[in-house]
Amino acid sequence: MREYYFRSIQMIIDHNIKSEEEYIKLVKKYDILSVESLKYISQERNFRKIIKMAKDILSYQENPSQE
């Protein structure tokens, strides 16, 4: 499950997803978590906050020494 979560987060960044509707289109094309599963795992109901979280995760992975 963790792998699918990180794959879903990566897809949000790679495809520059801006809305829940855009993400739903990706779910149909790729083997990633559904919107509801992503919300449940991230413990966040607001999809815009999930997008922000994805960007934060990516920036942390690029610069782990900056906290």
N, C-alpha and C. Protein backbone atom coordinates (compact mmCIF):
# COMPACT_ATOMS: atom_id res chain seq x y z
N MET A 1 0.83 -1.20 0.00
CA MET A 1 0.00 0.00 0.00
C MET A 1 0.87 1.25 0.00
N ARG A 2 1.95 1.20 0.75
CA ARG A 2 2.85 2.35 0.82
C ARG A 2 3.42 2.70 -0.56
N GLU A 3 3.74 1.66 -1.32
CA GLU A 3 4.26 1.86 -2.67
C GLU A 3 3.25 2.58 -3.55
N TYR A 4 1.99 2.18 -3.46
CA TYR A 4 0.94 2.82 -4.24
C TYR A 4 0.73 4.27 -3.81
N TYR A 5 0.86 4.52 -2.53
CA TYR A 5 0.71 5.88 -2.03
C TYR A 5 1.80 6.78 -2.62
N PHE A 6 3.05 6.34 -2.55
CA PHE A 6 4.13 7.16 -3.10
C PHE A 6 4.06 7.27 -4.62
N ARG A 7 3.59 6.21 -5.28
CA ARG A 7 3.41 6.28 -6.73
C ARG A 7 2.33 7.31 -7.07
N SER A 8 1.27 7.34 -6.30
CA SER A 8 0.19 8.31 -6.53
C SER A 8 0.67 9.73 -6.30
N ILE A 9 1.44 9.93 -5.23
CA ILE A 9 1.99 11.25 -4.94
C ILE A 9 2.92 11.70 -6.07
N GLN A 10 3.74 10.76 -6.55
CA GLN A 10 4.67 11.08 -7.64
C GLN A 10 3.92 11.45 -8.92
N MET A 11 2.82 10.77 -9.19
CA MET A 11 2.02 11.08 -10.39
C MET A 11 1.42 12.47 -10.30
N ILE A 12 1.02 12.88 -9.11
CA ILE A 12 0.49 14.24 -8.93
C ILE A 12 1.54 15.26 -9.33
N ILE A 13 2.77 15.02 -8.93
CA ILE A 13 3.86 15.94 -9.26
C ILE A 13 4.23 15.85 -10.73
N ASP A 14 4.44 14.64 -11.23
CA ASP A 14 4.89 14.45 -12.62
C ASP A 14 3.91 15.02 -13.65
N HIS A 15 2.62 14.88 -13.37
CA HIS A 15 1.60 15.34 -14.31
C HIS A 15 1.04 16.71 -13.96
N ASN A 16 1.64 17.34 -12.96
CA ASN A 16 1.24 18.69 -12.56
C ASN A 16 -0.27 18.80 -12.33
N ILE A 17 -0.78 17.88 -11.53
CA ILE A 17 -2.21 17.81 -11.24
C ILE A 17 -2.63 19.02 -10.40
N LYS A 18 -3.69 19.68 -10.82
CA LYS A 18 -4.19 20.87 -10.13
C LYS A 18 -5.54 20.66 -9.46
N SER A 19 -6.24 19.57 -9.83
CA SER A 19 -7.58 19.36 -9.27
C SER A 19 -7.87 17.88 -9.11
N GLU A 20 -8.90 17.62 -8.36
CA GLU A 20 -9.34 16.25 -8.12
C GLU A 20 -9.81 15.60 -9.43
N GLU A 21 -10.44 16.37 -10.29
CA GLU A 21 -10.93 15.85 -11.57
C GLU A 21 -9.78 15.38 -12.46
N GLU A 22 -8.69 16.13 -12.48
CA GLU A 22 -7.52 15.73 -13.26
C GLU A 22 -6.94 14.43 -12.71
N TYR A 23 -6.92 14.30 -11.39
CA TYR A 23 -6.39 13.09 -10.77
C TYR A 23 -7.26 11.88 -11.11
N ILE A 24 -8.57 12.07 -11.13
CA ILE A 24 -9.49 10.97 -11.47
C ILE A 24 -9.20 10.45 -12.87
N LYS A 25 -8.87 11.34 -13.80
CA LYS A 25 -8.50 10.90 -15.15
C LYS A 25 -7.25 10.04 -15.12
N LEU A 26 -6.28 10.38 -14.27
CA LEU A 26 -5.07 9.58 -14.14
C LEU A 26 -5.37 8.21 -13.55
N VAL A 27 -6.28 8.17 -12.60
CA VAL A 27 -6.63 6.90 -11.95
C VAL A 27 -7.14 5.91 -13.00
N LYS A 28 -7.87 6.42 -13.98
CA LYS A 28 -8.41 5.55 -15.02
C LYS A 28 -7.32 5.00 -15.94
N LYS A 29 -6.23 5.77 -16.10
CA LYS A 29 -5.15 5.37 -17.02
C LYS A 29 -4.05 4.56 -16.34
N TYR A 30 -3.77 4.86 -15.07
CA TYR A 30 -2.63 4.26 -14.39
C TYR A 30 -3.07 3.47 -13.16
N ASP A 31 -2.21 2.61 -12.71
CA ASP A 31 -2.46 1.79 -11.53
C ASP A 31 -2.03 2.56 -10.28
N ILE A 32 -2.88 3.49 -9.85
CA ILE A 32 -2.61 4.31 -8.67
C ILE A 32 -3.84 4.30 -7.77
N LEU A 33 -3.70 4.85 -6.59
CA LEU A 33 -4.80 4.86 -5.63
C LEU A 33 -5.97 5.72 -6.10
N SER A 34 -7.15 5.31 -5.73
CA SER A 34 -8.32 6.12 -6.01
C SER A 34 -8.26 7.39 -5.15
N VAL A 35 -9.09 8.34 -5.48
CA VAL A 35 -9.12 9.59 -4.73
C VAL A 35 -9.46 9.32 -3.27
N GLU A 36 -10.46 8.49 -3.04
CA GLU A 36 -10.89 8.20 -1.67
C GLU A 36 -9.79 7.48 -0.88
N SER A 37 -9.09 6.55 -1.52
CA SER A 37 -8.00 5.85 -0.83
C SER A 37 -6.86 6.81 -0.50
N LEU A 38 -6.55 7.68 -1.44
CA LEU A 38 -5.49 8.66 -1.22
C LEU A 38 -5.85 9.60 -0.07
N LYS A 39 -7.10 10.02 -0.01
CA LYS A 39 -7.56 10.87 1.08
C LYS A 39 -7.50 10.14 2.41
N TYR A 40 -7.87 8.87 2.41
CA TYR A 40 -7.86 8.09 3.65
C TYR A 40 -6.43 7.90 4.17
N ILE A 41 -5.54 7.51 3.30
CA ILE A 41 -4.15 7.24 3.72
C ILE A 41 -3.46 8.52 4.17
N SER A 42 -3.69 9.61 3.45
CA SER A 42 -3.05 10.87 3.81
C SER A 42 -3.75 11.55 4.98
N GLN A 43 -4.91 11.04 5.37
CA GLN A 43 -5.72 11.60 6.45
C GLN A 43 -6.06 13.07 6.20
N GLU A 44 -6.39 13.34 4.95
CA GLU A 44 -6.73 14.70 4.54
C GLU A 44 -7.92 14.62 3.58
N ARG A 45 -8.99 15.35 3.87
CA ARG A 45 -10.18 15.32 3.03
C ARG A 45 -10.11 16.32 1.87
N ASN A 46 -9.30 17.35 2.03
CA ASN A 46 -9.19 18.39 1.01
C ASN A 46 -8.11 18.00 0.00
N PHE A 47 -8.50 17.81 -1.26
CA PHE A 47 -7.55 17.36 -2.27
C PHE A 47 -6.47 18.41 -2.55
N ARG A 48 -6.78 19.67 -2.44
CA ARG A 48 -5.76 20.72 -2.65
C ARG A 48 -4.65 20.61 -1.61
N LYS A 49 -5.00 20.23 -0.40
CA LYS A 49 -3.99 20.03 0.64
C LYS A 49 -3.13 18.81 0.34
N ILE A 50 -3.71 17.81 -0.28
CA ILE A 50 -2.94 16.63 -0.69
C ILE A 50 -1.93 17.02 -1.77
N ILE A 51 -2.35 17.87 -2.70
CA ILE A 51 -1.43 18.36 -3.73
C ILE A 51 -0.28 19.12 -3.09
N LYS A 52 -0.59 19.98 -2.14
CA LYS A 52 0.46 20.73 -1.43
C LYS A 52 1.38 19.77 -0.69
N MET A 53 0.80 18.76 -0.05
CA MET A 53 1.59 17.77 0.66
C MET A 53 2.53 17.04 -0.30
N ALA A 54 2.05 16.72 -1.49
CA ALA A 54 2.87 16.03 -2.50
C ALA A 54 4.06 16.90 -2.89
N LYS A 55 3.82 18.19 -3.07
CA LYS A 55 4.91 19.10 -3.41
C LYS A 55 5.92 19.21 -2.27
N ASP A 56 5.42 19.22 -1.04
CA ASP A 56 6.31 19.26 0.12
C ASP A 56 7.16 18.00 0.22
N ILE A 57 6.55 16.87 -0.04
CA ILE A 57 7.28 15.60 0.00
C ILE A 57 8.37 15.59 -1.07
N LEU A 58 8.04 16.06 -2.26
CA LEU A 58 9.02 16.10 -3.34
C LEU A 58 10.17 17.03 -3.00
N SER A 59 9.87 18.21 -2.46
CA SER A 59 10.94 19.16 -2.14
C SER A 59 11.81 18.62 -1.02
N TYR A 60 11.22 17.86 -0.08
CA TYR A 60 12.01 17.26 1.00
C TYR A 60 12.91 16.16 0.44
N GLN A 61 12.42 15.38 -0.51
CA GLN A 61 13.23 14.32 -1.10
C GLN A 61 14.41 14.90 -1.87
N GLU A 62 14.21 16.06 -2.49
CA GLU A 62 15.28 16.69 -3.24
C GLU A 62 16.32 17.33 -2.32
N ASN A 63 15.88 17.86 -1.16
CA ASN A 63 16.77 18.54 -0.21
C ASN A 63 16.50 18.05 1.20
N PRO A 64 16.90 16.84 1.56
CA PRO A 64 16.56 16.30 2.88
C PRO A 64 17.25 17.04 4.05
N SER A 65 18.31 17.77 3.78
CA SER A 65 19.01 18.46 4.88
C SER A 65 18.30 19.72 5.32
N GLN A 66 17.39 20.23 4.50
CA GLN A 66 16.65 21.46 4.85
C GLN A 66 15.37 21.09 5.58
N GLU A 67 15.28 21.43 6.84
CA GLU A 67 14.07 21.14 7.61
C GLU A 67 13.48 22.38 8.18
